[in-house]
Amino acid sequence: MDTYPDLYELLRRDEEARAYFASLPEYARTSINDRPGKINSL
């Protein structure tokens, strides 16, 4: 499993993560976006 420094880098480099994130409801994406430094892998 690859890890990245933060959510933004994960989404920039991992197509599967980007697709999964886009499929989440808006309230979930908002909650995740509130803590981008805590998310670093799919």
N, C-alpha and C. Protein backbone atom coordinates (compact mmCIF):
# COMPACT_ATOMS: atom_id res chain seq x y z
N MET A 1 0.84 -1.18 0.00
CA MET A 1 0.00 0.00 0.00
C MET A 1 0.89 1.24 0.00
N ASP A 2 0.61 2.15 -0.91
CA ASP A 2 1.35 3.41 -0.97
C ASP A 2 0.77 4.39 0.03
N THR A 3 1.63 5.18 0.62
CA THR A 3 1.17 6.27 1.50
C THR A 3 1.69 7.59 0.94
N TYR A 4 0.97 8.63 1.24
CA TYR A 4 1.25 9.96 0.73
C TYR A 4 1.26 10.94 1.90
N PRO A 5 1.84 12.11 1.72
CA PRO A 5 1.93 13.06 2.83
C PRO A 5 0.57 13.56 3.33
N ASP A 6 -0.43 13.60 2.43
CA ASP A 6 -1.74 14.10 2.83
C ASP A 6 -2.79 13.69 1.80
N LEU A 7 -4.02 14.03 2.09
CA LEU A 7 -5.15 13.70 1.23
C LEU A 7 -4.98 14.25 -0.18
N TYR A 8 -4.51 15.48 -0.28
CA TYR A 8 -4.41 16.11 -1.60
C TYR A 8 -3.43 15.38 -2.51
N GLU A 9 -2.32 14.95 -1.96
CA GLU A 9 -1.34 14.20 -2.75
C GLU A 9 -1.89 12.81 -3.10
N LEU A 10 -2.57 12.19 -2.17
CA LEU A 10 -3.21 10.90 -2.43
C LEU A 10 -4.17 11.01 -3.61
N LEU A 11 -5.03 12.01 -3.59
CA LEU A 11 -6.01 12.17 -4.66
C LEU A 11 -5.35 12.57 -5.98
N ARG A 12 -4.28 13.31 -5.90
CA ARG A 12 -3.57 13.74 -7.11
C ARG A 12 -2.91 12.55 -7.81
N ARG A 13 -2.40 11.60 -7.04
CA ARG A 13 -1.60 10.52 -7.62
C ARG A 13 -2.30 9.17 -7.77
N ASP A 14 -3.41 8.96 -7.06
CA ASP A 14 -4.05 7.64 -7.05
C ASP A 14 -5.45 7.73 -7.65
N GLU A 15 -5.60 7.18 -8.84
CA GLU A 15 -6.87 7.24 -9.55
C GLU A 15 -7.98 6.50 -8.80
N GLU A 16 -7.67 5.36 -8.20
CA GLU A 16 -8.67 4.61 -7.44
C GLU A 16 -9.15 5.41 -6.24
N ALA A 17 -8.23 6.04 -5.53
CA ALA A 17 -8.60 6.87 -4.38
C ALA A 17 -9.47 8.04 -4.82
N ARG A 18 -9.10 8.66 -5.95
CA ARG A 18 -9.87 9.79 -6.48
C ARG A 18 -11.30 9.37 -6.82
N ALA A 19 -11.45 8.21 -7.46
CA ALA A 19 -12.79 7.71 -7.82
C ALA A 19 -13.60 7.39 -6.57
N TYR A 20 -12.96 6.76 -5.58
CA TYR A 20 -13.66 6.42 -4.35
C TYR A 20 -14.11 7.69 -3.61
N PHE A 21 -13.20 8.66 -3.50
CA PHE A 21 -13.53 9.91 -2.83
C PHE A 21 -14.69 10.61 -3.52
N ALA A 22 -14.68 10.63 -4.84
CA ALA A 22 -15.75 11.27 -5.61
C ALA A 22 -17.09 10.57 -5.42
N SER A 23 -17.06 9.28 -5.11
CA SER A 23 -18.31 8.52 -4.94
C SER A 23 -18.95 8.72 -3.57
N LEU A 24 -18.20 9.30 -2.64
CA LEU A 24 -18.74 9.51 -1.29
C LEU A 24 -19.76 10.63 -1.28
N PRO A 25 -20.71 10.57 -0.35
CA PRO A 25 -21.66 11.68 -0.21
C PRO A 25 -20.91 12.96 0.20
N GLU A 26 -21.50 14.08 -0.12
CA GLU A 26 -20.84 15.36 0.14
C GLU A 26 -20.48 15.55 1.61
N TYR A 27 -21.37 15.13 2.53
CA TYR A 27 -21.07 15.31 3.96
C TYR A 27 -19.82 14.52 4.36
N ALA A 28 -19.60 13.37 3.75
CA ALA A 28 -18.41 12.56 4.07
C ALA A 28 -17.16 13.22 3.49
N ARG A 29 -17.25 13.70 2.26
CA ARG A 29 -16.10 14.40 1.65
C ARG A 29 -15.73 15.65 2.44
N THR A 30 -16.74 16.38 2.90
CA THR A 30 -16.50 17.58 3.70
C THR A 30 -15.79 17.22 5.00
N SER A 31 -16.25 16.19 5.65
CA SER A 31 -15.64 15.76 6.90
C SER A 31 -14.18 15.32 6.69
N ILE A 32 -13.92 14.59 5.63
CA ILE A 32 -12.56 14.15 5.32
C ILE A 32 -11.69 15.36 4.97
N ASN A 33 -12.23 16.30 4.22
CA ASN A 33 -11.47 17.50 3.85
C ASN A 33 -11.09 18.34 5.06
N ASP A 34 -11.82 18.20 6.16
CA ASP A 34 -11.50 18.94 7.37
C ASP A 34 -10.21 18.45 8.02
N ARG A 35 -9.75 17.24 7.65
CA ARG A 35 -8.56 16.64 8.24
C ARG A 35 -7.63 16.08 7.16
N PRO A 36 -7.20 16.88 6.21
CA PRO A 36 -6.43 16.35 5.08
C PRO A 36 -5.08 15.76 5.48
N GLY A 37 -4.49 16.23 6.57
CA GLY A 37 -3.19 15.71 7.00
C GLY A 37 -3.27 14.34 7.65
N LYS A 38 -4.47 13.90 8.03
CA LYS A 38 -4.66 12.61 8.69
C LYS A 38 -4.94 11.48 7.71
N ILE A 39 -5.23 11.82 6.46
CA ILE A 39 -5.55 10.83 5.43
C ILE A 39 -4.37 10.73 4.49
N ASN A 40 -3.78 9.52 4.39
CA ASN A 40 -2.60 9.39 3.53
C ASN A 40 -2.56 8.10 2.73
N SER A 41 -3.62 7.30 2.79
CA SER A 41 -3.67 6.07 2.00
C SER A 41 -5.12 5.66 1.80
N LEU A 42 -5.32 4.79 0.82
CA LEU A 42 -6.66 4.28 0.55
C LEU A 42 -6.88 3.10 1.45
